[in-house]
């Protein structure tokens, strides 16, 4: 369908009419995609766009986002170590527990634990009622990823939290040949990968909840969505590769994304 015609003037083609229709047809609003991607930074969106993941966007420049300003306030950043990711999946796994929250989630959870593969930087998040559930979450996650990859976890890095010092946890890792690597006490920077990832998750989740206007008890849904989106965004340690693609070896698509908290309609079929 021809929307408009234009005449060449120097290096430009000037349309005679219907300019606004062309803008609507050819260029989506970058502010909407910023929200769909869970408040990804402009730099991150630029990298994703350069990989052809956002073909409908001509420009990545978006307006100042008040939700980002409110949700991403932080203390001084950790010092960069310049580490190179491991060569094989599950060669090293980072883990850290976040919580407790002041408000329980809809499912009654007050903590979450993350497991991060150092090679791909993909993150998995499990929600807990108590810190004592970390061991069970690790066993479930271990069975899933080892079955998916055919590989074995070689090393688990964590802080000195009591949940990782559990006798059953240490015995389980010993029996399965997993080295439990501890960081220096009171030095969270030594567990920097997990600490930074949990900070990013909580910031992105806070942004998602602020933009949607949902109450605090939806924090777990926001963190879960942030996990999904972070795994599909570019990663600086991977030279801007996408964690999910590095982990699975398959190309990911973003066309299905919707804004967190947008209105949806569910059709319930008549079973009677």
C-alpha atoms as a PDB file:
ATOM      1  CA  UNK A   1       0.000   0.000   0.000  1.00  0.00           C
ATOM      2  CA  UNK A   2       1.367   3.421  -0.940  1.00  0.00           C
ATOM      3  CA  UNK A   3       1.177   5.737   2.060  1.00  0.00           C
ATOM      4  CA  UNK A   4       2.758   8.806   0.468  1.00  0.00           C
ATOM      5  CA  UNK A   5       5.023   9.952  -2.359  1.00  0.00           C
ATOM      6  CA  UNK A   6       8.040  12.224  -2.147  1.00  0.00           C
ATOM      7  CA  UNK A   7      10.382  14.204  -4.338  1.00  0.00           C
ATOM      8  CA  UNK A   8      14.158  14.114  -3.965  1.00  0.00           C
ATOM      9  CA  UNK A   9      15.661  17.365  -2.773  1.00  0.00           C
ATOM     10  CA  UNK A  10      19.414  17.130  -2.398  1.00  0.00           C
ATOM     11  CA  UNK A  11      20.004  14.090  -0.172  1.00  0.00           C
ATOM     12  CA  UNK A  12      16.442  14.036   1.221  1.00  0.00           C
ATOM     13  CA  UNK A  13      13.085  12.772  -0.008  1.00  0.00           C
ATOM     14  CA  UNK A  14      10.380  15.225   1.031  1.00  0.00           C
ATOM     15  CA  UNK A  15       6.876  13.808   1.307  1.00  0.00           C
ATOM     16  CA  UNK A  16       3.963  15.833   0.031  1.00  0.00           C
ATOM     17  CA  UNK A  17       1.502  14.745   2.728  1.00  0.00           C
ATOM     18  CA  UNK A  18       0.654  12.084   5.364  1.00  0.00           C
ATOM     19  CA  UNK A  19       4.008  12.425   7.167  1.00  0.00           C
ATOM     20  CA  UNK A  20       2.430  11.397  10.470  1.00  0.00           C
ATOM     21  CA  UNK A  21       1.187   8.152   8.930  1.00  0.00           C
ATOM     22  CA  UNK A  22       4.698   7.254   7.854  1.00  0.00           C
ATOM     23  CA  UNK A  23       6.029   7.789  11.366  1.00  0.00           C
ATOM     24  CA  UNK A  24       3.345   5.530  12.827  1.00  0.00           C
ATOM     25  CA  UNK A  25       3.864   2.837  10.241  1.00  0.00           C
ATOM     26  CA  UNK A  26       7.656   2.719  10.262  1.00  0.00           C
ATOM     27  CA  UNK A  27       8.892   3.564  13.746  1.00  0.00           C
ATOM     28  CA  UNK A  28       7.628   2.217  17.072  1.00  0.00           C
ATOM     29  CA  UNK A  29       7.946   4.265  20.231  1.00  0.00           C
ATOM     30  CA  UNK A  30      11.295   3.508  21.972  1.00  0.00           C
ATOM     31  CA  UNK A  31       9.703   4.451  25.325  1.00  0.00           C
ATOM     32  CA  UNK A  32       7.325   1.493  24.993  1.00  0.00           C
ATOM     33  CA  UNK A  33      10.161  -0.922  24.224  1.00  0.00           C
ATOM     34  CA  UNK A  34      12.131   0.482  27.169  1.00  0.00           C
ATOM     35  CA  UNK A  35       9.227  -0.605  29.379  1.00  0.00           C
ATOM     36  CA  UNK A  36       8.683  -3.928  27.584  1.00  0.00           C
ATOM     37  CA  UNK A  37      12.340  -4.773  28.194  1.00  0.00           C
ATOM     38  CA  UNK A  38      12.008  -4.109  31.912  1.00  0.00           C
ATOM     39  CA  UNK A  39      13.643  -0.660  31.859  1.00  0.00           C
ATOM     40  CA  UNK A  40      16.781  -1.750  30.027  1.00  0.00           C
ATOM     41  CA  UNK A  41      19.369   1.009  29.662  1.00  0.00           C
ATOM     42  CA  UNK A  42      19.738   2.998  26.445  1.00  0.00           C
ATOM     43  CA  UNK A  43      23.136   1.383  25.887  1.00  0.00           C
ATOM     44  CA  UNK A  44      21.633  -2.083  26.327  1.00  0.00           C
ATOM     45  CA  UNK A  45      18.801  -1.316  23.924  1.00  0.00           C
ATOM     46  CA  UNK A  46      21.306   0.032  21.379  1.00  0.00           C
ATOM     47  CA  UNK A  47      23.248  -3.239  21.504  1.00  0.00           C
ATOM     48  CA  UNK A  48      20.080  -5.340  21.190  1.00  0.00           C
ATOM     49  CA  UNK A  49      18.962  -3.150  18.277  1.00  0.00           C
ATOM     50  CA  UNK A  50      22.324  -3.632  16.541  1.00  0.00           C
ATOM     51  CA  UNK A  51      21.746  -7.399  16.693  1.00  0.00           C
ATOM     52  CA  UNK A  52      18.496  -6.993  14.747  1.00  0.00           C
ATOM     53  CA  UNK A  53      16.243  -7.875  17.688  1.00  0.00           C
ATOM     54  CA  UNK A  54      14.208  -4.651  17.442  1.00  0.00           C
ATOM     55  CA  UNK A  55      13.648  -4.189  13.702  1.00  0.00           C
ATOM     56  CA  UNK A  56      10.640  -1.913  14.179  1.00  0.00           C
ATOM     57  CA  UNK A  57      12.736   0.791  15.887  1.00  0.00           C
ATOM     58  CA  UNK A  58      14.641   3.475  13.999  1.00  0.00           C
ATOM     59  CA  UNK A  59      15.835   5.345  17.068  1.00  0.00           C
ATOM     60  CA  UNK A  60      16.749   4.099  20.552  1.00  0.00           C
ATOM     61  CA  UNK A  61      16.577   7.509  22.210  1.00  0.00           C
ATOM     62  CA  UNK A  62      13.822   7.559  24.816  1.00  0.00           C
ATOM     63  CA  UNK A  63      12.574  10.136  27.294  1.00  0.00           C
ATOM     64  CA  UNK A  64      13.847  10.447  30.856  1.00  0.00           C
ATOM     65  CA  UNK A  65      12.204   7.654  32.855  1.00  0.00           C
ATOM     66  CA  UNK A  66      11.130   8.626  36.374  1.00  0.00           C
ATOM     67  CA  UNK A  67      10.687   4.954  37.308  1.00  0.00           C
ATOM     68  CA  UNK A  68      14.373   4.343  36.513  1.00  0.00           C
ATOM     69  CA  UNK A  69      15.406   7.348  38.621  1.00  0.00           C
ATOM     70  CA  UNK A  70      13.385   6.098  41.593  1.00  0.00           C
ATOM     71  CA  UNK A  71      14.215   2.424  41.167  1.00  0.00           C
ATOM     72  CA  UNK A  72      17.946   2.493  40.371  1.00  0.00           C
ATOM     73  CA  UNK A  73      19.399   4.635  43.132  1.00  0.00           C
ATOM     74  CA  UNK A  74      22.450   2.820  44.455  1.00  0.00           C
ATOM     75  CA  UNK A  75      25.574   2.948  46.556  1.00  0.00           C
ATOM     76  CA  UNK A  76      29.124   3.065  45.156  1.00  0.00           C
ATOM     77  CA  UNK A  77      29.669   0.342  42.543  1.00  0.00           C
ATOM     78  CA  UNK A  78      31.899  -2.656  43.104  1.00  0.00           C
ATOM     79  CA  UNK A  79      35.394  -2.370  41.688  1.00  0.00           C
ATOM     80  CA  UNK A  80      35.687  -3.995  38.284  1.00  0.00           C
ATOM     81  CA  UNK A  81      37.919  -7.072  38.320  1.00  0.00           C
ATOM     82  CA  UNK A  82      38.159  -7.669  34.590  1.00  0.00           C
ATOM     83  CA  UNK A  83      37.442 -11.388  35.007  1.00  0.00           C
ATOM     84  CA  UNK A  84      36.960 -13.533  31.926  1.00  0.00           C
ATOM     85  CA  UNK A  85      33.946 -15.918  32.026  1.00  0.00           C
ATOM     86  CA  UNK A  86      34.705 -19.635  32.259  1.00  0.00           C
ATOM     87  CA  UNK A  87      35.018 -21.620  29.028  1.00  0.00           C
ATOM     88  CA  UNK A  88      32.386 -24.241  29.824  1.00  0.00           C
ATOM     89  CA  UNK A  89      28.842 -24.160  31.182  1.00  0.00           C
ATOM     90  CA  UNK A  90      28.483 -25.074  34.869  1.00  0.00           C
ATOM     91  CA  UNK A  91      32.245 -24.911  35.405  1.00  0.00           C
ATOM     92  CA  UNK A  92      31.543 -22.234  37.996  1.00  0.00           C
ATOM     93  CA  UNK A  93      28.200 -21.240  39.512  1.00  0.00           C
ATOM     94  CA  UNK A  94      27.626 -18.101  41.599  1.00  0.00           C
ATOM     95  CA  UNK A  95      24.863 -17.995  44.191  1.00  0.00           C
ATOM     96  CA  UNK A  96      23.464 -15.493  46.656  1.00  0.00           C
ATOM     97  CA  UNK A  97      20.330 -15.067  48.776  1.00  0.00           C
ATOM     98  CA  UNK A  98      18.365 -11.822  48.898  1.00  0.00           C
ATOM     99  CA  UNK A  99      15.895 -10.866  51.621  1.00  0.00           C
ATOM    100  CA  UNK A 100      13.914 -10.783  53.759  1.00  0.00           C
ATOM    101  CA  UNK A 101      11.332  -8.465  52.279  1.00  0.00           C
ATOM    102  CA  UNK A 102       9.172  -6.236  54.432  1.00  0.00           C
ATOM    103  CA  UNK A 103       6.094  -7.511  52.562  1.00  0.00           C
ATOM    104  CA  UNK A 104       5.562 -11.164  51.691  1.00  0.00           C
ATOM    105  CA  UNK A 105       4.749 -12.064  48.097  1.00  0.00           C
ATOM    106  CA  UNK A 106       1.332 -13.351  47.045  1.00  0.00           C
ATOM    107  CA  UNK A 107       2.678 -16.867  47.561  1.00  0.00           C
ATOM    108  CA  UNK A 108       4.023 -16.030  51.024  1.00  0.00           C
ATOM    109  CA  UNK A 109       7.704 -15.793  49.957  1.00  0.00           C
ATOM    110  CA  UNK A 110      10.160 -13.435  51.655  1.00  0.00           C
ATOM    111  CA  UNK A 111      13.483 -14.368  50.017  1.00  0.00           C
ATOM    112  CA  UNK A 112      14.889 -15.391  46.677  1.00  0.00           C
ATOM    113  CA  UNK A 113      18.081 -17.242  45.762  1.00  0.00           C
ATOM    114  CA  UNK A 114      19.871 -16.909  42.448  1.00  0.00           C
ATOM    115  CA  UNK A 115      22.138 -19.334  40.611  1.00  0.00           C
ATOM    116  CA  UNK A 116      24.300 -17.832  37.867  1.00  0.00           C
ATOM    117  CA  UNK A 117      26.298 -19.804  35.330  1.00  0.00           C
ATOM    118  CA  UNK A 118      29.648 -18.043  34.932  1.00  0.00           C
ATOM    119  CA  UNK A 119      30.116 -19.087  31.291  1.00  0.00           C
ATOM    120  CA  UNK A 120      26.796 -17.785  29.931  1.00  0.00           C
ATOM    121  CA  UNK A 121      25.848 -15.433  32.798  1.00  0.00           C
ATOM    122  CA  UNK A 122      22.331 -16.851  32.646  1.00  0.00           C
ATOM    123  CA  UNK A 123      20.518 -16.485  35.964  1.00  0.00           C
ATOM    124  CA  UNK A 124      17.846 -18.652  37.584  1.00  0.00           C
ATOM    125  CA  UNK A 125      15.727 -17.340  40.469  1.00  0.00           C
ATOM    126  CA  UNK A 126      13.912 -19.379  43.136  1.00  0.00           C
ATOM    127  CA  UNK A 127      11.592 -17.851  45.734  1.00  0.00           C
ATOM    128  CA  UNK A 128      11.729 -19.004  49.357  1.00  0.00           C
ATOM    129  CA  UNK A 129       9.749 -18.612  52.550  1.00  0.00           C
ATOM    130  CA  UNK A 130      12.867 -19.179  54.658  1.00  0.00           C
ATOM    131  CA  UNK A 131      16.624 -19.244  54.043  1.00  0.00           C
ATOM    132  CA  UNK A 132      16.682 -22.899  55.086  1.00  0.00           C
ATOM    133  CA  UNK A 133      15.040 -23.761  51.739  1.00  0.00           C
ATOM    134  CA  UNK A 134      18.176 -22.819  49.736  1.00  0.00           C
ATOM    135  CA  UNK A 135      19.504 -26.397  49.800  1.00  0.00           C
ATOM    136  CA  UNK A 136      16.285 -27.836  48.356  1.00  0.00           C
ATOM    137  CA  UNK A 137      16.213 -25.132  45.673  1.00  0.00           C
ATOM    138  CA  UNK A 138      19.816 -25.967  44.728  1.00  0.00           C
ATOM    139  CA  UNK A 139      19.021 -29.682  44.359  1.00  0.00           C
ATOM    140  CA  UNK A 140      16.053 -28.913  42.084  1.00  0.00           C
ATOM    141  CA  UNK A 141      18.109 -26.493  39.989  1.00  0.00           C
ATOM    142  CA  UNK A 142      21.096 -28.875  39.785  1.00  0.00           C
ATOM    143  CA  UNK A 143      18.943 -31.738  38.499  1.00  0.00           C
ATOM    144  CA  UNK A 144      17.344 -29.498  35.864  1.00  0.00           C
ATOM    145  CA  UNK A 145      20.489 -27.907  34.397  1.00  0.00           C
ATOM    146  CA  UNK A 146      22.574 -31.080  34.468  1.00  0.00           C
ATOM    147  CA  UNK A 147      19.803 -32.997  32.717  1.00  0.00           C
ATOM    148  CA  UNK A 148      19.467 -30.181  30.149  1.00  0.00           C
ATOM    149  CA  UNK A 149      23.173 -29.917  29.339  1.00  0.00           C
ATOM    150  CA  UNK A 150      24.581 -33.355  30.125  1.00  0.00           C
ATOM    151  CA  UNK A 151      27.279 -31.535  32.135  1.00  0.00           C
ATOM    152  CA  UNK A 152      28.125 -31.548  35.838  1.00  0.00           C
ATOM    153  CA  UNK A 153      28.433 -28.595  38.199  1.00  0.00           C
ATOM    154  CA  UNK A 154      32.095 -28.296  39.212  1.00  0.00           C
ATOM    155  CA  UNK A 155      32.244 -25.360  41.610  1.00  0.00           C
ATOM    156  CA  UNK A 156      29.721 -23.336  43.634  1.00  0.00           C
ATOM    157  CA  UNK A 157      30.786 -19.878  44.834  1.00  0.00           C
ATOM    158  CA  UNK A 158      28.821 -18.184  47.617  1.00  0.00           C
ATOM    159  CA  UNK A 159      29.269 -16.015  50.687  1.00  0.00           C
ATOM    160  CA  UNK A 160      29.550 -17.385  54.211  1.00  0.00           C
ATOM    161  CA  UNK A 161      25.802 -17.356  54.853  1.00  0.00           C
ATOM    162  CA  UNK A 162      24.526 -20.011  57.205  1.00  0.00           C
ATOM    163  CA  UNK A 163      22.260 -21.402  54.474  1.00  0.00           C
ATOM    164  CA  UNK A 164      25.381 -22.530  52.556  1.00  0.00           C
ATOM    165  CA  UNK A 165      27.085 -23.866  55.699  1.00  0.00           C
ATOM    166  CA  UNK A 166      24.303 -26.367  56.288  1.00  0.00           C
ATOM    167  CA  UNK A 167      25.800 -29.807  56.995  1.00  0.00           C
ATOM    168  CA  UNK A 168      23.450 -31.515  54.537  1.00  0.00           C
ATOM    169  CA  UNK A 169      24.363 -29.005  51.827  1.00  0.00           C
ATOM    170  CA  UNK A 170      28.113 -29.528  52.294  1.00  0.00           C
ATOM    171  CA  UNK A 171      27.737 -33.319  52.385  1.00  0.00           C
ATOM    172  CA  UNK A 172      25.626 -33.273  49.202  1.00  0.00           C
ATOM    173  CA  UNK A 173      28.243 -31.213  47.327  1.00  0.00           C
ATOM    174  CA  UNK A 174      31.055 -33.452  48.600  1.00  0.00           C
ATOM    175  CA  UNK A 175      29.253 -36.580  47.400  1.00  0.00           C
ATOM    176  CA  UNK A 176      28.656 -35.048  43.953  1.00  0.00           C
ATOM    177  CA  UNK A 177      32.165 -33.710  43.513  1.00  0.00           C
ATOM    178  CA  UNK A 178      31.143 -30.040  43.747  1.00  0.00           C
ATOM    179  CA  UNK A 179      33.728 -27.692  45.251  1.00  0.00           C
ATOM    180  CA  UNK A 180      32.122 -25.159  47.605  1.00  0.00           C
ATOM    181  CA  UNK A 181      34.121 -21.944  47.318  1.00  0.00           C
ATOM    182  CA  UNK A 182      33.610 -19.337  50.041  1.00  0.00           C
ATOM    183  CA  UNK A 183      34.287 -15.620  49.862  1.00  0.00           C
ATOM    184  CA  UNK A 184      36.099 -13.617  52.544  1.00  0.00           C
ATOM    185  CA  UNK A 185      33.719 -12.821  55.452  1.00  0.00           C
ATOM    186  CA  UNK A 186      32.116  -9.356  55.398  1.00  0.00           C
ATOM    187  CA  UNK A 187      33.416  -8.770  51.871  1.00  0.00           C
ATOM    188  CA  UNK A 188      30.463  -9.048  49.456  1.00  0.00           C
ATOM    189  CA  UNK A 189      32.637  -7.695  46.625  1.00  0.00           C
ATOM    190  CA  UNK A 190      34.357 -11.093  46.430  1.00  0.00           C
ATOM    191  CA  UNK A 191      31.014 -12.607  45.458  1.00  0.00           C
ATOM    192  CA  UNK A 192      30.571  -9.741  43.016  1.00  0.00           C
ATOM    193  CA  UNK A 193      28.828 -11.567  40.163  1.00  0.00           C
ATOM    194  CA  UNK A 194      25.970 -12.753  42.381  1.00  0.00           C
ATOM    195  CA  UNK A 195      25.826  -9.511  44.391  1.00  0.00           C
ATOM    196  CA  UNK A 196      25.587  -7.362  41.260  1.00  0.00           C
ATOM    197  CA  UNK A 197      23.038  -9.651  39.650  1.00  0.00           C
ATOM    198  CA  UNK A 198      20.772  -9.561  42.701  1.00  0.00           C
ATOM    199  CA  UNK A 199      21.085  -5.783  42.810  1.00  0.00           C
ATOM    200  CA  UNK A 200      20.172  -5.552  39.124  1.00  0.00           C
ATOM    201  CA  UNK A 201      17.204  -7.881  39.632  1.00  0.00           C
ATOM    202  CA  UNK A 202      15.817  -5.848  42.520  1.00  0.00           C
ATOM    203  CA  UNK A 203      16.320  -2.567  40.669  1.00  0.00           C
ATOM    204  CA  UNK A 204      14.616  -3.804  37.513  1.00  0.00           C
ATOM    205  CA  UNK A 205      11.817  -5.385  39.544  1.00  0.00           C
ATOM    206  CA  UNK A 206      11.287  -2.122  41.430  1.00  0.00           C
ATOM    207  CA  UNK A 207      11.072  -0.251  38.116  1.00  0.00           C
ATOM    208  CA  UNK A 208       8.549  -2.740  36.743  1.00  0.00           C
ATOM    209  CA  UNK A 209       6.372  -2.473  39.836  1.00  0.00           C
ATOM    210  CA  UNK A 210       6.534   1.331  39.876  1.00  0.00           C
ATOM    211  CA  UNK A 211       5.526   1.628  36.216  1.00  0.00           C
ATOM    212  CA  UNK A 212       2.647  -0.813  36.652  1.00  0.00           C
ATOM    213  CA  UNK A 213       1.359   0.679  39.897  1.00  0.00           C
ATOM    214  CA  UNK A 214       1.044  -2.772  41.449  1.00  0.00           C
ATOM    215  CA  UNK A 215       1.297  -3.100  45.257  1.00  0.00           C
ATOM    216  CA  UNK A 216       4.425  -4.459  46.955  1.00  0.00           C
ATOM    217  CA  UNK A 217       3.122  -8.004  47.326  1.00  0.00           C
ATOM    218  CA  UNK A 218       3.688  -8.420  43.574  1.00  0.00           C
ATOM    219  CA  UNK A 219       7.474  -8.087  44.050  1.00  0.00           C
ATOM    220  CA  UNK A 220       8.098 -11.776  43.249  1.00  0.00           C
ATOM    221  CA  UNK A 221       6.258 -11.536  39.914  1.00  0.00           C
ATOM    222  CA  UNK A 222       8.352  -8.466  39.091  1.00  0.00           C
ATOM    223  CA  UNK A 223      11.621 -10.224  40.000  1.00  0.00           C
ATOM    224  CA  UNK A 224      10.593 -13.247  37.937  1.00  0.00           C
ATOM    225  CA  UNK A 225       9.922 -11.011  34.927  1.00  0.00           C
ATOM    226  CA  UNK A 226      13.217  -9.167  35.472  1.00  0.00           C
ATOM    227  CA  UNK A 227      15.061 -12.505  35.471  1.00  0.00           C
ATOM    228  CA  UNK A 228      13.478 -13.456  32.147  1.00  0.00           C
ATOM    229  CA  UNK A 229      14.371 -10.104  30.575  1.00  0.00           C
ATOM    230  CA  UNK A 230      17.946  -9.964  31.908  1.00  0.00           C
ATOM    231  CA  UNK A 231      18.620 -13.364  30.361  1.00  0.00           C
ATOM    232  CA  UNK A 232      17.535 -11.899  27.026  1.00  0.00           C
ATOM    233  CA  UNK A 233      19.542  -8.683  27.207  1.00  0.00           C
ATOM    234  CA  UNK A 234      23.176  -8.045  26.319  1.00  0.00           C
ATOM    235  CA  UNK A 235      25.887  -8.873  28.871  1.00  0.00           C
ATOM    236  CA  UNK A 236      29.054  -6.782  29.169  1.00  0.00           C
ATOM    237  CA  UNK A 237      31.261  -9.679  30.440  1.00  0.00           C
ATOM    238  CA  UNK A 238      30.164 -11.685  27.370  1.00  0.00           C
ATOM    239  CA  UNK A 239      31.164  -8.829  25.040  1.00  0.00           C
ATOM    240  CA  UNK A 240      27.469  -7.944  24.673  1.00  0.00           C
ATOM    241  CA  UNK A 241      26.307 -11.445  23.759  1.00  0.00           C
ATOM    242  CA  UNK A 242      22.923 -12.570  25.067  1.00  0.00           C
ATOM    243  CA  UNK A 243      23.025 -14.996  28.057  1.00  0.00           C
ATOM    244  CA  UNK A 244      20.106 -17.147  26.888  1.00  0.00           C
ATOM    245  CA  UNK A 245      21.675 -17.567  23.430  1.00  0.00           C
ATOM    246  CA  UNK A 246      25.083 -18.438  24.919  1.00  0.00           C
ATOM    247  CA  UNK A 247      23.476 -20.958  27.276  1.00  0.00           C
ATOM    248  CA  UNK A 248      21.126 -22.651  24.787  1.00  0.00           C
ATOM    249  CA  UNK A 249      22.937 -22.049  21.499  1.00  0.00           C
ATOM    250  CA  UNK A 250      19.622 -20.931  20.001  1.00  0.00           C
ATOM    251  CA  UNK A 251      18.565 -17.511  18.748  1.00  0.00           C
ATOM    252  CA  UNK A 252      16.002 -15.710  20.900  1.00  0.00           C
ATOM    253  CA  UNK A 253      13.106 -13.505  19.790  1.00  0.00           C
ATOM    254  CA  UNK A 254      11.658 -10.470  21.545  1.00  0.00           C
ATOM    255  CA  UNK A 255       8.558  -9.846  19.437  1.00  0.00           C
ATOM    256  CA  UNK A 256       6.283 -11.524  22.016  1.00  0.00           C
ATOM    257  CA  UNK A 257       7.147  -9.129  24.872  1.00  0.00           C
ATOM    258  CA  UNK A 258       4.442  -7.026  26.484  1.00  0.00           C
ATOM    259  CA  UNK A 259       4.689  -4.265  29.088  1.00  0.00           C
ATOM    260  CA  UNK A 260       4.676  -5.664  32.636  1.00  0.00           C
ATOM    261  CA  UNK A 261       1.347  -4.900  34.276  1.00  0.00           C
ATOM    262  CA  UNK A 262      -0.562  -4.201  31.040  1.00  0.00           C
ATOM    263  CA  UNK A 263      -4.206  -5.233  30.806  1.00  0.00           C
ATOM    264  CA  UNK A 264      -4.874  -8.757  29.548  1.00  0.00           C
ATOM    265  CA  UNK A 265      -8.056 -10.690  28.878  1.00  0.00           C
ATOM    266  CA  UNK A 266      -8.473 -14.374  29.630  1.00  0.00           C
ATOM    267  CA  UNK A 267     -11.023 -16.616  27.957  1.00  0.00           C
ATOM    268  CA  UNK A 268     -12.279 -19.408  30.230  1.00  0.00           C
ATOM    269  CA  UNK A 269     -13.815 -22.153  28.177  1.00  0.00           C
ATOM    270  CA  UNK A 270     -17.103 -23.722  29.228  1.00  0.00           C
ATOM    271  CA  UNK A 271     -16.202 -27.159  30.565  1.00  0.00           C
ATOM    272  CA  UNK A 272     -19.830 -27.976  31.238  1.00  0.00           C
END
